[in-house]
Amino acid sequence: MLGRTIRLYLVDGTPTGPLTAEIINWTGKVLVAPRSQLADTVGREEMGKTGVYFLIGPDPEKPGRDRLYIGEADSVKSRLAHHGRDQAKDFWERTIVV
């Protein structure tokens, strides 16, 4: 297998804030962001596109373990905004969008 180059970009200059990841010669993009910065994150251009997303956070029913929700949408932006108001999905702290 051949090696690949991954380019990481720290959007706000900090490793705990939003970041993007790109594999050179691949048209996709990955965005990782804390929920606390959801308002800024959904404003990004790539968030209005079709994608798969992961909501990750501690599982309140299983201390020490994480809970994961996987979804897909034609507009990730609108789905994440909806999930941000959904109390049934209040567990998540981090978002990954592909």
N, C-alpha and C. Protein backbone atom coordinates (compact mmCIF):
# COMPACT_ATOMS: atom_id res chain seq x y z
N MET A 1 0.84 -1.18 0.00
CA MET A 1 0.00 0.00 0.00
C MET A 1 0.89 1.24 0.00
N LEU A 2 0.51 2.20 -0.77
CA LEU A 2 1.25 3.45 -0.86
C LEU A 2 0.84 4.41 0.24
N GLY A 3 1.78 5.23 0.67
CA GLY A 3 1.48 6.23 1.69
C GLY A 3 0.61 7.35 1.13
N ARG A 4 0.01 8.07 2.02
CA ARG A 4 -0.84 9.21 1.66
C ARG A 4 -0.47 10.39 2.54
N THR A 5 -0.72 11.57 2.05
CA THR A 5 -0.51 12.78 2.81
C THR A 5 -1.85 13.32 3.27
N ILE A 6 -1.95 13.61 4.56
CA ILE A 6 -3.15 14.20 5.12
C ILE A 6 -2.82 15.61 5.56
N ARG A 7 -3.63 16.56 5.13
CA ARG A 7 -3.42 17.95 5.52
C ARG A 7 -4.45 18.32 6.59
N LEU A 8 -3.97 18.73 7.76
CA LEU A 8 -4.84 19.18 8.84
C LEU A 8 -4.76 20.69 8.93
N TYR A 9 -5.90 21.31 9.13
CA TYR A 9 -5.96 22.77 9.28
C TYR A 9 -6.72 23.08 10.55
N LEU A 10 -6.06 23.75 11.49
CA LEU A 10 -6.70 24.17 12.74
C LEU A 10 -7.40 25.49 12.46
N VAL A 11 -8.71 25.44 12.33
CA VAL A 11 -9.50 26.59 11.88
C VAL A 11 -9.28 27.82 12.75
N ASP A 12 -9.30 27.65 14.07
CA ASP A 12 -9.09 28.80 14.96
C ASP A 12 -7.70 28.82 15.58
N GLY A 13 -6.82 27.97 15.08
CA GLY A 13 -5.44 27.94 15.55
C GLY A 13 -5.20 27.11 16.80
N THR A 14 -6.24 26.48 17.34
CA THR A 14 -6.08 25.65 18.54
C THR A 14 -6.43 24.20 18.22
N PRO A 15 -5.76 23.24 18.85
CA PRO A 15 -6.04 21.83 18.57
C PRO A 15 -7.37 21.34 19.13
N THR A 16 -8.00 22.08 20.02
CA THR A 16 -9.29 21.66 20.58
C THR A 16 -10.48 22.30 19.86
N GLY A 17 -10.21 23.21 18.95
CA GLY A 17 -11.28 23.87 18.19
C GLY A 17 -11.56 23.12 16.91
N PRO A 18 -12.32 23.72 16.01
CA PRO A 18 -12.63 23.07 14.74
C PRO A 18 -11.37 22.82 13.91
N LEU A 19 -11.36 21.70 13.20
CA LEU A 19 -10.26 21.41 12.29
C LEU A 19 -10.80 20.74 11.05
N THR A 20 -10.08 20.90 9.96
CA THR A 20 -10.43 20.21 8.73
C THR A 20 -9.28 19.28 8.38
N ALA A 21 -9.63 18.18 7.70
CA ALA A 21 -8.63 17.22 7.25
C ALA A 21 -8.93 16.88 5.80
N GLU A 22 -7.87 16.86 5.01
CA GLU A 22 -8.00 16.52 3.60
C GLU A 22 -6.91 15.53 3.24
N ILE A 23 -7.27 14.53 2.44
CA ILE A 23 -6.28 13.62 1.88
C ILE A 23 -5.95 14.16 0.50
N ILE A 24 -4.68 14.35 0.24
CA ILE A 24 -4.25 14.90 -1.04
C ILE A 24 -4.74 13.99 -2.17
N ASN A 25 -5.26 14.58 -3.23
CA ASN A 25 -5.83 13.89 -4.40
C ASN A 25 -7.13 13.16 -4.09
N TRP A 26 -7.88 13.62 -3.09
CA TRP A 26 -9.21 13.11 -2.78
C TRP A 26 -10.13 14.31 -2.70
N THR A 27 -11.32 14.22 -3.26
CA THR A 27 -12.20 15.38 -3.31
C THR A 27 -12.99 15.58 -2.02
N GLY A 28 -12.99 14.62 -1.13
CA GLY A 28 -13.72 14.75 0.12
C GLY A 28 -12.99 15.60 1.14
N LYS A 29 -13.69 15.89 2.22
CA LYS A 29 -13.12 16.69 3.30
C LYS A 29 -13.76 16.23 4.61
N VAL A 30 -13.00 16.30 5.68
CA VAL A 30 -13.50 15.96 7.01
C VAL A 30 -13.43 17.22 7.87
N LEU A 31 -14.50 17.46 8.60
CA LEU A 31 -14.53 18.58 9.53
C LEU A 31 -14.84 18.03 10.91
N VAL A 32 -14.03 18.39 11.89
CA VAL A 32 -14.22 17.99 13.28
C VAL A 32 -14.38 19.26 14.09
N ALA A 33 -15.41 19.29 14.96
CA ALA A 33 -15.65 20.52 15.74
C ALA A 33 -16.36 20.19 17.04
N PRO A 34 -16.05 20.95 18.09
CA PRO A 34 -16.79 20.79 19.34
C PRO A 34 -18.20 21.36 19.20
N ARG A 35 -19.14 20.77 19.91
CA ARG A 35 -20.52 21.25 19.86
C ARG A 35 -20.63 22.70 20.31
N SER A 36 -19.77 23.10 21.23
CA SER A 36 -19.81 24.47 21.73
C SER A 36 -19.58 25.50 20.63
N GLN A 37 -19.03 25.07 19.50
CA GLN A 37 -18.79 25.98 18.38
C GLN A 37 -19.69 25.64 17.18
N LEU A 38 -20.84 25.03 17.47
CA LEU A 38 -21.77 24.63 16.41
C LEU A 38 -22.22 25.81 15.56
N ALA A 39 -22.54 26.93 16.19
CA ALA A 39 -23.02 28.10 15.45
C ALA A 39 -22.00 28.55 14.40
N ASP A 40 -20.73 28.55 14.75
CA ASP A 40 -19.69 28.95 13.81
C ASP A 40 -19.47 27.86 12.75
N THR A 41 -19.56 26.62 13.18
CA THR A 41 -19.28 25.49 12.29
C THR A 41 -20.30 25.38 11.17
N VAL A 42 -21.59 25.50 11.48
CA VAL A 42 -22.62 25.33 10.44
C VAL A 42 -22.57 26.45 9.41
N GLY A 43 -21.89 27.53 9.69
CA GLY A 43 -21.75 28.62 8.73
C GLY A 43 -20.71 28.35 7.65
N ARG A 44 -19.96 27.27 7.79
CA ARG A 44 -18.92 26.96 6.80
C ARG A 44 -19.57 26.45 5.50
N GLU A 45 -18.95 26.78 4.38
CA GLU A 45 -19.48 26.43 3.06
C GLU A 45 -19.75 24.93 2.90
N GLU A 46 -18.82 24.09 3.33
CA GLU A 46 -18.96 22.65 3.13
C GLU A 46 -20.11 22.04 3.93
N MET A 47 -20.62 22.75 4.92
CA MET A 47 -21.70 22.22 5.74
C MET A 47 -23.05 22.24 5.03
N GLY A 48 -23.18 22.99 3.96
CA GLY A 48 -24.41 23.03 3.20
C GLY A 48 -24.51 21.90 2.19
N LYS A 49 -23.52 21.03 2.15
CA LYS A 49 -23.48 19.95 1.16
C LYS A 49 -23.96 18.63 1.76
N THR A 50 -24.10 17.65 0.89
CA THR A 50 -24.46 16.30 1.31
C THR A 50 -23.30 15.68 2.07
N GLY A 51 -23.61 14.95 3.14
CA GLY A 51 -22.54 14.32 3.89
C GLY A 51 -23.04 13.34 4.94
N VAL A 52 -22.09 12.69 5.54
CA VAL A 52 -22.31 11.80 6.66
C VAL A 52 -21.74 12.50 7.88
N TYR A 53 -22.42 12.37 9.03
CA TYR A 53 -21.92 13.03 10.22
C TYR A 53 -22.02 12.10 11.43
N PHE A 54 -21.18 12.37 12.41
CA PHE A 54 -21.12 11.59 13.64
C PHE A 54 -21.26 12.55 14.81
N LEU A 55 -22.13 12.23 15.74
CA LEU A 55 -22.27 13.00 16.98
C LEU A 55 -21.71 12.12 18.09
N ILE A 56 -20.73 12.62 18.82
CA ILE A 56 -20.02 11.81 19.82
C ILE A 56 -20.03 12.52 21.16
N GLY A 57 -20.28 11.75 22.21
CA GLY A 57 -20.26 12.31 23.56
C GLY A 57 -20.38 11.21 24.59
N PRO A 58 -20.26 11.56 25.85
CA PRO A 58 -20.33 10.54 26.90
C PRO A 58 -21.73 9.92 26.98
N ASP A 59 -21.76 8.63 27.23
CA ASP A 59 -23.03 7.91 27.36
C ASP A 59 -23.51 8.04 28.80
N PRO A 60 -24.63 8.73 29.02
CA PRO A 60 -25.11 8.92 30.39
C PRO A 60 -25.54 7.62 31.06
N GLU A 61 -25.83 6.60 30.27
CA GLU A 61 -26.25 5.31 30.82
C GLU A 61 -25.08 4.38 31.11
N LYS A 62 -23.91 4.67 30.55
CA LYS A 62 -22.73 3.83 30.73
C LYS A 62 -21.53 4.72 31.03
N PRO A 63 -21.33 5.10 32.28
CA PRO A 63 -20.21 5.98 32.64
C PRO A 63 -18.87 5.44 32.13
N GLY A 64 -18.07 6.35 31.61
CA GLY A 64 -16.76 5.97 31.09
C GLY A 64 -16.79 5.53 29.64
N ARG A 65 -17.97 5.47 29.03
CA ARG A 65 -18.09 5.06 27.63
C ARG A 65 -18.70 6.20 26.83
N ASP A 66 -18.48 6.16 25.53
CA ASP A 66 -19.04 7.17 24.65
C ASP A 66 -20.26 6.65 23.93
N ARG A 67 -21.12 7.58 23.52
CA ARG A 67 -22.29 7.28 22.70
C ARG A 67 -22.02 7.89 21.33
N LEU A 68 -22.47 7.21 20.29
CA LEU A 68 -22.24 7.66 18.92
C LEU A 68 -23.56 7.62 18.16
N TYR A 69 -23.86 8.72 17.49
CA TYR A 69 -25.01 8.79 16.58
C TYR A 69 -24.45 9.05 15.19
N ILE A 70 -24.88 8.25 14.22
CA ILE A 70 -24.42 8.41 12.84
C ILE A 70 -25.62 8.81 11.99
N GLY A 71 -25.45 9.85 11.18
CA GLY A 71 -26.53 10.30 10.32
C GLY A 71 -26.00 10.74 8.96
N GLU A 72 -26.91 10.97 8.04
CA GLU A 72 -26.56 11.49 6.72
C GLU A 72 -27.63 12.50 6.33
N ALA A 73 -27.22 13.44 5.50
CA ALA A 73 -28.17 14.48 5.10
C ALA A 73 -27.75 15.11 3.79
N ASP A 74 -28.73 15.63 3.06
CA ASP A 74 -28.42 16.39 1.85
C ASP A 74 -27.83 17.75 2.22
N SER A 75 -28.23 18.27 3.37
CA SER A 75 -27.65 19.50 3.90
C SER A 75 -27.28 19.24 5.36
N VAL A 76 -26.02 18.94 5.59
CA VAL A 76 -25.56 18.64 6.95
C VAL A 76 -25.85 19.82 7.87
N LYS A 77 -25.73 21.02 7.34
CA LYS A 77 -25.98 22.24 8.11
C LYS A 77 -27.35 22.23 8.78
N SER A 78 -28.40 21.94 8.02
CA SER A 78 -29.74 21.97 8.59
C SER A 78 -29.97 20.83 9.57
N ARG A 79 -29.40 19.66 9.30
CA ARG A 79 -29.55 18.53 10.22
C ARG A 79 -28.85 18.80 11.55
N LEU A 80 -27.65 19.35 11.52
CA LEU A 80 -26.94 19.64 12.76
C LEU A 80 -27.65 20.72 13.56
N ALA A 81 -28.21 21.68 12.87
CA ALA A 81 -28.97 22.72 13.57
C ALA A 81 -30.18 22.09 14.27
N HIS A 82 -30.83 21.15 13.60
CA HIS A 82 -31.97 20.43 14.20
C HIS A 82 -31.52 19.61 15.41
N HIS A 83 -30.42 18.86 15.25
CA HIS A 83 -29.91 18.04 16.36
C HIS A 83 -29.49 18.90 17.55
N GLY A 84 -29.02 20.10 17.28
CA GLY A 84 -28.61 21.00 18.35
C GLY A 84 -29.76 21.39 19.26
N ARG A 85 -30.99 21.32 18.74
CA ARG A 85 -32.19 21.65 19.53
C ARG A 85 -32.91 20.40 20.05
N ASP A 86 -32.47 19.22 19.64
CA ASP A 86 -33.14 17.96 19.98
C ASP A 86 -32.65 17.44 21.33
N GLN A 87 -33.49 17.46 22.34
CA GLN A 87 -33.09 17.04 23.68
C GLN A 87 -32.77 15.55 23.74
N ALA A 88 -33.30 14.75 22.85
CA ALA A 88 -32.99 13.32 22.81
C ALA A 88 -31.54 13.08 22.40
N LYS A 89 -30.94 14.06 21.75
CA LYS A 89 -29.54 13.95 21.32
C LYS A 89 -28.67 14.97 22.05
N ASP A 90 -29.00 15.20 23.28
CA ASP A 90 -28.29 16.22 24.07
C ASP A 90 -26.92 15.74 24.56
N PHE A 91 -26.58 14.49 24.35
CA PHE A 91 -25.35 13.90 24.88
C PHE A 91 -24.08 14.36 24.15
N TRP A 92 -24.19 14.76 22.90
CA TRP A 92 -22.99 14.92 22.08
C TRP A 92 -22.20 16.18 22.39
N GLU A 93 -20.89 16.02 22.30
CA GLU A 93 -19.94 17.12 22.57
C GLU A 93 -19.06 17.43 21.38
N ARG A 94 -18.97 16.48 20.44
CA ARG A 94 -18.08 16.64 19.29
C ARG A 94 -18.79 16.15 18.03
N THR A 95 -18.52 16.83 16.94
CA THR A 95 -19.12 16.49 15.64
C THR A 95 -18.02 16.17 14.64
N ILE A 96 -18.24 15.14 13.85
CA ILE A 96 -17.36 14.83 12.73
C ILE A 96 -18.23 14.78 11.49
N VAL A 97 -17.86 15.52 10.46
CA VAL A 97 -18.62 15.58 9.22
C VAL A 97 -17.72 15.16 8.07
N VAL A 98 -18.22 14.28 7.20
CA VAL A 98 -17.47 13.85 6.01
C VAL A 98 -18.31 14.19 4.81
